[in-house]
Amino acid sequence: MGAVMQKRRFQKGVAASELAIALPILILVVGSVISIGRLAHLKVELDSLGHEAARSCALQGDLINSNQMDACMELELVQRGFDECRSLRVISEMTSRDFIYADPLTGDEIEAQVPLVRARIECLVDLINAGHMLEDTELSTTVVAGRN
């Protein structure tokens, strides 16, 4: 009976040491997956809201100055709820593009010039990965939007 009890104690000790080795690795992997998931979510959100902001600013036709366009984009992003950035920078330009389309009623070709906003949005975020702070992780996207 004594040998059986001693064997069980030894097995409990082995299980505890295996847990002590495996648990930090498991926590590191789970933390990394969570951080990468959060980063991916922020990137998708930045793409989506950036496009909406560019479209909204393109519809405001009186913004010709690029500084005004940058300020409009930054304000739109914040108003739409994207406040994850520690530092947000928008570099935009207003251009136009010629479109030719056929009139559905007459079949005539119609030329139109459509204003476009092309903007590069850069955002610095801080992430926590397995207890370590990853500062200045950069998210960036380029969006193009225009009026219809």
N, C-alpha and C. Protein backbone atom coordinates (compact mmCIF):
# COMPACT_ATOMS: atom_id res chain seq x y z
N MET A 1 0.82 -1.19 0.00
CA MET A 1 0.00 0.00 0.00
C MET A 1 0.86 1.26 0.00
N GLY A 2 1.97 1.27 0.66
CA GLY A 2 2.87 2.41 0.73
C GLY A 2 3.48 2.72 -0.62
N ALA A 3 3.78 1.68 -1.40
CA ALA A 3 4.39 1.90 -2.71
C ALA A 3 3.38 2.55 -3.67
N VAL A 4 2.10 2.19 -3.56
CA VAL A 4 1.06 2.77 -4.42
C VAL A 4 0.88 4.25 -4.10
N MET A 5 0.86 4.60 -2.82
CA MET A 5 0.70 6.00 -2.42
C MET A 5 1.89 6.84 -2.88
N GLN A 6 3.07 6.26 -2.77
CA GLN A 6 4.26 6.99 -3.18
C GLN A 6 4.26 7.22 -4.70
N LYS A 7 3.76 6.25 -5.47
CA LYS A 7 3.68 6.38 -6.92
C LYS A 7 2.69 7.47 -7.31
N ARG A 8 1.56 7.56 -6.58
CA ARG A 8 0.56 8.59 -6.86
C ARG A 8 1.13 9.98 -6.57
N ARG A 9 1.86 10.13 -5.47
CA ARG A 9 2.47 11.41 -5.15
C ARG A 9 3.46 11.81 -6.23
N PHE A 10 4.21 10.86 -6.72
CA PHE A 10 5.19 11.13 -7.77
C PHE A 10 4.49 11.58 -9.06
N GLN A 11 3.35 10.95 -9.38
CA GLN A 11 2.60 11.33 -10.57
C GLN A 11 2.00 12.73 -10.43
N LYS A 12 1.55 13.09 -9.23
CA LYS A 12 1.04 14.44 -9.00
C LYS A 12 2.16 15.46 -9.17
N GLY A 13 3.32 15.13 -8.71
CA GLY A 13 4.48 16.03 -8.87
C GLY A 13 4.86 16.20 -10.33
N VAL A 14 4.78 15.12 -11.10
CA VAL A 14 5.09 15.20 -12.54
C VAL A 14 4.05 16.07 -13.24
N ALA A 15 2.79 15.90 -12.91
CA ALA A 15 1.72 16.69 -13.52
C ALA A 15 1.89 18.17 -13.19
N ALA A 16 2.26 18.47 -11.96
CA ALA A 16 2.46 19.87 -11.56
C ALA A 16 3.64 20.49 -12.31
N SER A 17 4.72 19.74 -12.47
CA SER A 17 5.87 20.28 -13.19
C SER A 17 5.56 20.44 -14.69
N GLU A 18 4.79 19.52 -15.27
CA GLU A 18 4.39 19.67 -16.67
C GLU A 18 3.50 20.91 -16.86
N LEU A 19 2.62 21.12 -15.91
CA LEU A 19 1.76 22.31 -15.95
C LEU A 19 2.60 23.58 -15.82
N ALA A 20 3.59 23.55 -14.93
CA ALA A 20 4.46 24.72 -14.74
C ALA A 20 5.25 25.03 -16.01
N ILE A 21 5.56 24.05 -16.80
CA ILE A 21 6.28 24.28 -18.06
C ILE A 21 5.32 24.71 -19.17
N ALA A 22 4.17 24.07 -19.26
CA ALA A 22 3.25 24.30 -20.38
C ALA A 22 2.40 25.56 -20.22
N LEU A 23 2.05 25.93 -19.00
CA LEU A 23 1.14 27.05 -18.78
C LEU A 23 1.68 28.39 -19.30
N PRO A 24 2.93 28.76 -19.03
CA PRO A 24 3.42 30.04 -19.59
C PRO A 24 3.41 30.05 -21.12
N ILE A 25 3.73 28.94 -21.73
CA ILE A 25 3.72 28.87 -23.19
C ILE A 25 2.29 29.02 -23.71
N LEU A 26 1.35 28.37 -23.05
CA LEU A 26 -0.05 28.47 -23.44
C LEU A 26 -0.57 29.90 -23.28
N ILE A 27 -0.20 30.55 -22.19
CA ILE A 27 -0.62 31.93 -21.97
C ILE A 27 -0.04 32.85 -23.03
N LEU A 28 1.22 32.63 -23.39
CA LEU A 28 1.86 33.43 -24.42
C LEU A 28 1.16 33.25 -25.78
N VAL A 29 0.82 32.04 -26.12
CA VAL A 29 0.15 31.77 -27.39
C VAL A 29 -1.25 32.39 -27.40
N VAL A 30 -2.00 32.22 -26.35
CA VAL A 30 -3.35 32.78 -26.28
C VAL A 30 -3.29 34.30 -26.31
N GLY A 31 -2.35 34.90 -25.57
CA GLY A 31 -2.20 36.35 -25.59
C GLY A 31 -1.83 36.88 -26.95
N SER A 32 -0.97 36.15 -27.65
CA SER A 32 -0.58 36.56 -29.01
C SER A 32 -1.76 36.49 -29.97
N VAL A 33 -2.54 35.45 -29.87
CA VAL A 33 -3.71 35.30 -30.74
C VAL A 33 -4.71 36.44 -30.47
N ILE A 34 -4.90 36.79 -29.22
CA ILE A 34 -5.82 37.88 -28.87
C ILE A 34 -5.29 39.21 -29.42
N SER A 35 -3.99 39.46 -29.28
CA SER A 35 -3.40 40.71 -29.78
C SER A 35 -3.50 40.80 -31.30
N ILE A 36 -3.21 39.71 -31.99
CA ILE A 36 -3.30 39.71 -33.45
C ILE A 36 -4.75 39.89 -33.89
N GLY A 37 -5.68 39.28 -33.18
CA GLY A 37 -7.10 39.46 -33.49
C GLY A 37 -7.54 40.89 -33.29
N ARG A 38 -7.07 41.53 -32.21
CA ARG A 38 -7.42 42.93 -31.96
C ARG A 38 -6.83 43.83 -33.04
N LEU A 39 -5.60 43.55 -33.43
CA LEU A 39 -4.94 44.33 -34.48
C LEU A 39 -5.69 44.18 -35.82
N ALA A 40 -6.10 42.96 -36.13
CA ALA A 40 -6.85 42.73 -37.37
C ALA A 40 -8.20 43.46 -37.33
N HIS A 41 -8.86 43.43 -36.18
CA HIS A 41 -10.14 44.13 -36.03
C HIS A 41 -9.95 45.64 -36.21
N LEU A 42 -8.90 46.20 -35.62
CA LEU A 42 -8.65 47.63 -35.76
C LEU A 42 -8.35 48.00 -37.21
N LYS A 43 -7.64 47.13 -37.92
CA LYS A 43 -7.30 47.38 -39.33
C LYS A 43 -8.57 47.41 -40.18
N VAL A 44 -9.45 46.45 -39.97
CA VAL A 44 -10.71 46.40 -40.73
C VAL A 44 -11.57 47.61 -40.39
N GLU A 45 -11.62 47.97 -39.12
CA GLU A 45 -12.39 49.14 -38.70
C GLU A 45 -11.81 50.42 -39.31
N LEU A 46 -10.49 50.53 -39.33
CA LEU A 46 -9.85 51.70 -39.92
C LEU A 46 -10.14 51.78 -41.42
N ASP A 47 -10.08 50.66 -42.11
CA ASP A 47 -10.41 50.63 -43.55
C ASP A 47 -11.84 51.10 -43.80
N SER A 48 -12.76 50.53 -43.04
CA SER A 48 -14.18 50.83 -43.24
C SER A 48 -14.50 52.29 -42.91
N LEU A 49 -14.09 52.72 -41.72
CA LEU A 49 -14.40 54.09 -41.32
C LEU A 49 -13.63 55.11 -42.14
N GLY A 50 -12.42 54.74 -42.58
CA GLY A 50 -11.65 55.64 -43.43
C GLY A 50 -12.35 55.87 -44.76
N HIS A 51 -12.91 54.82 -45.33
CA HIS A 51 -13.64 54.97 -46.59
C HIS A 51 -14.89 55.82 -46.38
N GLU A 52 -15.60 55.59 -45.29
CA GLU A 52 -16.79 56.39 -45.00
C GLU A 52 -16.43 57.86 -44.80
N ALA A 53 -15.32 58.11 -44.09
CA ALA A 53 -14.89 59.49 -43.85
C ALA A 53 -14.48 60.16 -45.15
N ALA A 54 -13.76 59.44 -46.01
CA ALA A 54 -13.34 60.01 -47.29
C ALA A 54 -14.55 60.34 -48.15
N ARG A 55 -15.52 59.46 -48.16
CA ARG A 55 -16.74 59.70 -48.94
C ARG A 55 -17.50 60.92 -48.41
N SER A 56 -17.60 61.00 -47.09
CA SER A 56 -18.30 62.13 -46.49
C SER A 56 -17.59 63.45 -46.81
N CYS A 57 -16.26 63.45 -46.76
CA CYS A 57 -15.51 64.67 -47.06
C CYS A 57 -15.56 64.99 -48.55
N ALA A 58 -15.63 63.99 -49.40
CA ALA A 58 -15.73 64.22 -50.84
C ALA A 58 -17.07 64.87 -51.18
N LEU A 59 -18.10 64.56 -50.41
CA LEU A 59 -19.41 65.14 -50.67
C LEU A 59 -19.47 66.62 -50.30
N GLN A 60 -18.53 67.05 -49.44
CA GLN A 60 -18.44 68.46 -49.08
C GLN A 60 -17.56 69.14 -50.12
N GLY A 61 -18.13 69.56 -51.20
CA GLY A 61 -17.38 70.05 -52.35
C GLY A 61 -16.58 71.31 -52.11
N ASP A 62 -16.86 72.06 -51.02
CA ASP A 62 -16.16 73.31 -50.80
C ASP A 62 -14.77 73.12 -50.18
N LEU A 63 -14.38 71.89 -49.87
CA LEU A 63 -13.06 71.63 -49.30
C LEU A 63 -12.06 71.42 -50.44
N ILE A 64 -11.31 72.47 -50.75
CA ILE A 64 -10.35 72.34 -51.83
C ILE A 64 -8.94 72.19 -51.25
N ASN A 65 -8.70 72.81 -50.14
CA ASN A 65 -7.39 72.79 -49.52
C ASN A 65 -7.12 71.41 -48.92
N SER A 66 -5.91 70.88 -49.10
CA SER A 66 -5.59 69.55 -48.57
C SER A 66 -5.56 69.55 -47.05
N ASN A 67 -5.19 70.69 -46.43
CA ASN A 67 -5.20 70.76 -44.96
C ASN A 67 -6.62 70.67 -44.43
N GLN A 68 -7.55 71.31 -45.13
CA GLN A 68 -8.95 71.22 -44.73
C GLN A 68 -9.46 69.79 -44.91
N MET A 69 -9.02 69.12 -45.97
CA MET A 69 -9.44 67.74 -46.21
C MET A 69 -8.88 66.83 -45.12
N ASP A 70 -7.62 67.02 -44.74
CA ASP A 70 -7.03 66.22 -43.66
C ASP A 70 -7.80 66.41 -42.36
N ALA A 71 -8.12 67.66 -42.04
CA ALA A 71 -8.86 67.94 -40.81
C ALA A 71 -10.26 67.34 -40.87
N CYS A 72 -10.90 67.41 -42.04
CA CYS A 72 -12.22 66.82 -42.21
C CYS A 72 -12.17 65.31 -41.98
N MET A 73 -11.15 64.66 -42.58
CA MET A 73 -11.01 63.20 -42.43
C MET A 73 -10.80 62.82 -40.97
N GLU A 74 -9.90 63.53 -40.28
CA GLU A 74 -9.63 63.23 -38.87
C GLU A 74 -10.89 63.41 -38.02
N LEU A 75 -11.60 64.50 -38.26
CA LEU A 75 -12.84 64.77 -37.51
C LEU A 75 -13.88 63.69 -37.79
N GLU A 76 -14.03 63.31 -39.05
CA GLU A 76 -15.01 62.27 -39.40
C GLU A 76 -14.66 60.94 -38.73
N LEU A 77 -13.38 60.58 -38.72
CA LEU A 77 -12.97 59.31 -38.09
C LEU A 77 -13.30 59.32 -36.61
N VAL A 78 -13.03 60.43 -35.93
CA VAL A 78 -13.31 60.51 -34.49
C VAL A 78 -14.81 60.51 -34.25
N GLN A 79 -15.56 61.26 -35.06
CA GLN A 79 -17.02 61.31 -34.88
C GLN A 79 -17.67 59.95 -35.15
N ARG A 80 -17.07 59.15 -36.01
CA ARG A 80 -17.63 57.83 -36.32
C ARG A 80 -17.19 56.77 -35.30
N GLY A 81 -16.44 57.19 -34.30
CA GLY A 81 -16.13 56.28 -33.20
C GLY A 81 -14.77 55.63 -33.25
N PHE A 82 -13.91 56.03 -34.17
CA PHE A 82 -12.57 55.44 -34.21
C PHE A 82 -11.64 56.28 -33.36
N ASP A 83 -11.55 55.91 -32.08
CA ASP A 83 -10.70 56.65 -31.15
C ASP A 83 -9.63 55.76 -30.53
N GLU A 84 -9.25 54.71 -31.24
CA GLU A 84 -8.25 53.77 -30.74
C GLU A 84 -6.83 54.28 -30.93
N CYS A 85 -6.66 55.29 -31.74
CA CYS A 85 -5.31 55.75 -32.09
C CYS A 85 -4.75 56.66 -31.00
N ARG A 86 -3.47 56.43 -30.71
CA ARG A 86 -2.77 57.36 -29.85
C ARG A 86 -2.32 58.55 -30.66
N SER A 87 -2.03 58.31 -31.92
CA SER A 87 -1.63 59.36 -32.85
C SER A 87 -2.28 59.04 -34.20
N LEU A 88 -3.00 59.99 -34.73
CA LEU A 88 -3.70 59.81 -36.00
C LEU A 88 -3.19 60.85 -36.99
N ARG A 89 -2.81 60.38 -38.17
CA ARG A 89 -2.32 61.29 -39.20
C ARG A 89 -3.00 60.94 -40.52
N VAL A 90 -3.52 61.96 -41.18
CA VAL A 90 -4.18 61.77 -42.47
C VAL A 90 -3.46 62.63 -43.50
N ILE A 91 -3.11 61.99 -44.60
CA ILE A 91 -2.50 62.70 -45.73
C ILE A 91 -3.45 62.48 -46.91
N SER A 92 -4.08 63.55 -47.36
CA SER A 92 -5.10 63.37 -48.40
C SER A 92 -4.87 64.34 -49.55
N GLU A 93 -5.46 63.98 -50.66
CA GLU A 93 -5.44 64.85 -51.83
C GLU A 93 -6.78 64.73 -52.54
N MET A 94 -7.19 65.83 -53.08
CA MET A 94 -8.44 65.87 -53.82
C MET A 94 -8.08 65.85 -55.29
N THR A 95 -8.61 64.90 -56.00
CA THR A 95 -8.38 64.80 -57.44
C THR A 95 -9.72 64.65 -58.13
N SER A 96 -9.68 64.49 -59.40
CA SER A 96 -10.93 64.21 -60.12
C SER A 96 -10.62 63.20 -61.20
N ARG A 97 -11.65 62.55 -61.65
CA ARG A 97 -11.50 61.52 -62.67
C ARG A 97 -12.62 61.69 -63.69
N ASP A 98 -12.26 61.51 -64.94
CA ASP A 98 -13.25 61.59 -66.01
C ASP A 98 -13.91 60.22 -66.20
N PHE A 99 -15.23 60.25 -66.23
CA PHE A 99 -15.99 59.03 -66.48
C PHE A 99 -16.82 59.22 -67.75
N ILE A 100 -16.89 58.16 -68.51
CA ILE A 100 -17.75 58.17 -69.70
C ILE A 100 -18.73 57.02 -69.54
N TYR A 101 -20.00 57.35 -69.63
CA TYR A 101 -21.02 56.31 -69.52
C TYR A 101 -22.13 56.56 -70.53
N ALA A 102 -22.86 55.53 -70.80
CA ALA A 102 -23.95 55.63 -71.78
C ALA A 102 -25.24 55.98 -71.06
N ASP A 103 -25.93 56.95 -71.63
CA ASP A 103 -27.23 57.34 -71.08
C ASP A 103 -28.21 56.21 -71.35
N PRO A 104 -28.89 55.69 -70.32
CA PRO A 104 -29.79 54.55 -70.54
C PRO A 104 -31.00 54.86 -71.42
N LEU A 105 -31.40 56.13 -71.49
CA LEU A 105 -32.57 56.47 -72.30
C LEU A 105 -32.23 56.71 -73.76
N THR A 106 -31.18 57.48 -74.01
CA THR A 106 -30.84 57.84 -75.39
C THR A 106 -29.70 57.01 -75.97
N GLY A 107 -28.89 56.42 -75.13
CA GLY A 107 -27.75 55.65 -75.61
C GLY A 107 -26.54 56.52 -75.91
N ASP A 108 -26.67 57.85 -75.72
CA ASP A 108 -25.55 58.76 -75.98
C ASP A 108 -24.49 58.60 -74.89
N GLU A 109 -23.24 58.83 -75.30
CA GLU A 109 -22.16 58.80 -74.33
C GLU A 109 -22.11 60.14 -73.60
N ILE A 110 -22.01 60.07 -72.29
CA ILE A 110 -21.96 61.27 -71.46
C ILE A 110 -20.64 61.25 -70.71
N GLU A 111 -19.96 62.40 -70.76
CA GLU A 111 -18.71 62.54 -70.01
C GLU A 111 -19.00 63.30 -68.72
N ALA A 112 -18.43 62.83 -67.66
CA ALA A 112 -18.61 63.49 -66.37
C ALA A 112 -17.28 63.49 -65.63
N GLN A 113 -17.07 64.52 -64.85
CA GLN A 113 -15.88 64.60 -64.03
C GLN A 113 -16.30 64.44 -62.58
N VAL A 114 -15.74 63.43 -61.92
CA VAL A 114 -16.14 63.11 -60.55
C VAL A 114 -14.98 63.42 -59.62
N PRO A 115 -15.21 64.24 -58.58
CA PRO A 115 -14.15 64.51 -57.61
C PRO A 115 -13.87 63.27 -56.75
N LEU A 116 -12.62 63.00 -56.53
CA LEU A 116 -12.20 61.86 -55.71
C LEU A 116 -11.32 62.33 -54.57
N VAL A 117 -11.41 61.65 -53.45
CA VAL A 117 -10.51 61.88 -52.33
C VAL A 117 -9.66 60.64 -52.19
N ARG A 118 -8.36 60.83 -52.23
CA ARG A 118 -7.42 59.74 -51.96
C ARG A 118 -6.72 60.12 -50.66
N ALA A 119 -6.79 59.23 -49.68
CA ALA A 119 -6.22 59.54 -48.37
C ALA A 119 -5.44 58.36 -47.82
N ARG A 120 -4.32 58.66 -47.21
CA ARG A 120 -3.55 57.67 -46.48
C ARG A 120 -3.73 58.00 -45.00
N ILE A 121 -4.19 57.00 -44.27
CA ILE A 121 -4.47 57.18 -42.85
C ILE A 121 -3.45 56.35 -42.07
N GLU A 122 -2.75 57.00 -41.17
CA GLU A 122 -1.77 56.32 -40.33
C GLU A 122 -2.18 56.48 -38.88
N CYS A 123 -2.15 55.38 -38.17
CA CYS A 123 -2.63 55.36 -36.79
C CYS A 123 -1.63 54.56 -35.94
N LEU A 124 -1.23 55.13 -34.81
CA LEU A 124 -0.36 54.42 -33.88
C LEU A 124 -1.20 53.92 -32.71
N VAL A 125 -1.11 52.64 -32.43
CA VAL A 125 -1.85 52.05 -31.32
C VAL A 125 -0.86 51.33 -30.40
N ASP A 126 -1.27 51.17 -29.16
CA ASP A 126 -0.49 50.40 -28.20
C ASP A 126 -1.21 49.08 -27.97
N LEU A 127 -0.47 48.00 -28.05
CA LEU A 127 -1.04 46.68 -27.81
C LEU A 127 -0.36 46.06 -26.60
N ILE A 128 -1.07 45.21 -25.92
CA ILE A 128 -0.48 44.44 -24.83
C ILE A 128 -0.45 42.99 -25.28
N ASN A 129 0.74 42.42 -25.33
CA ASN A 129 0.91 41.04 -25.77
C ASN A 129 1.57 40.24 -24.65
N ALA A 130 0.82 39.37 -24.04
CA ALA A 130 1.31 38.50 -22.97
C ALA A 130 2.01 39.31 -21.88
N GLY A 131 1.41 40.42 -21.50
CA GLY A 131 1.94 41.21 -20.41
C GLY A 131 2.98 42.23 -20.84
N HIS A 132 3.39 42.23 -22.09
CA HIS A 132 4.37 43.18 -22.58
C HIS A 132 3.68 44.23 -23.44
N MET A 133 4.02 45.49 -23.22
CA MET A 133 3.43 46.58 -23.98
C MET A 133 4.16 46.72 -25.31
N LEU A 134 3.42 46.62 -26.40
CA LEU A 134 3.97 46.86 -27.73
C LEU A 134 3.55 48.26 -28.14
N GLU A 135 4.41 49.22 -27.93
CA GLU A 135 4.07 50.61 -28.22
C GLU A 135 4.29 50.92 -29.69
N ASP A 136 3.56 51.90 -30.15
CA ASP A 136 3.72 52.43 -31.50
C ASP A 136 3.57 51.38 -32.59
N THR A 137 2.57 50.54 -32.46
CA THR A 137 2.25 49.61 -33.54
C THR A 137 1.48 50.41 -34.59
N GLU A 138 1.98 50.43 -35.81
CA GLU A 138 1.39 51.29 -36.83
C GLU A 138 0.38 50.53 -37.68
N LEU A 139 -0.79 51.14 -37.79
CA LEU A 139 -1.81 50.68 -38.73
C LEU A 139 -1.93 51.75 -39.80
N SER A 140 -2.00 51.34 -41.04
CA SER A 140 -2.18 52.34 -42.09
C SER A 140 -3.05 51.76 -43.19
N THR A 141 -3.72 52.64 -43.87
CA THR A 141 -4.56 52.22 -44.98
C THR A 141 -4.65 53.36 -45.98
N THR A 142 -4.96 53.05 -47.21
CA THR A 142 -5.18 54.04 -48.24
C THR A 142 -6.58 53.84 -48.77
N VAL A 143 -7.34 54.92 -48.78
CA VAL A 143 -8.73 54.84 -49.24
C VAL A 143 -8.95 55.82 -50.39
N VAL A 144 -9.85 55.47 -51.26
CA VAL A 144 -10.25 56.35 -52.36
C VAL A 144 -11.78 56.38 -52.36
N ALA A 145 -12.34 57.56 -52.37
CA ALA A 145 -13.79 57.67 -52.41
C ALA A 145 -14.16 58.91 -53.20
N GLY A 146 -15.36 58.91 -53.73
CA GLY A 146 -15.81 60.06 -54.52
C GLY A 146 -17.31 60.20 -54.47
N ARG A 147 -17.77 61.22 -55.14
CA ARG A 147 -19.21 61.45 -55.24
C ARG A 147 -19.76 60.66 -56.41
N ASN A 148 -20.99 60.30 -56.31
CA ASN A 148 -21.66 59.66 -57.46
C ASN A 148 -22.43 60.70 -58.24
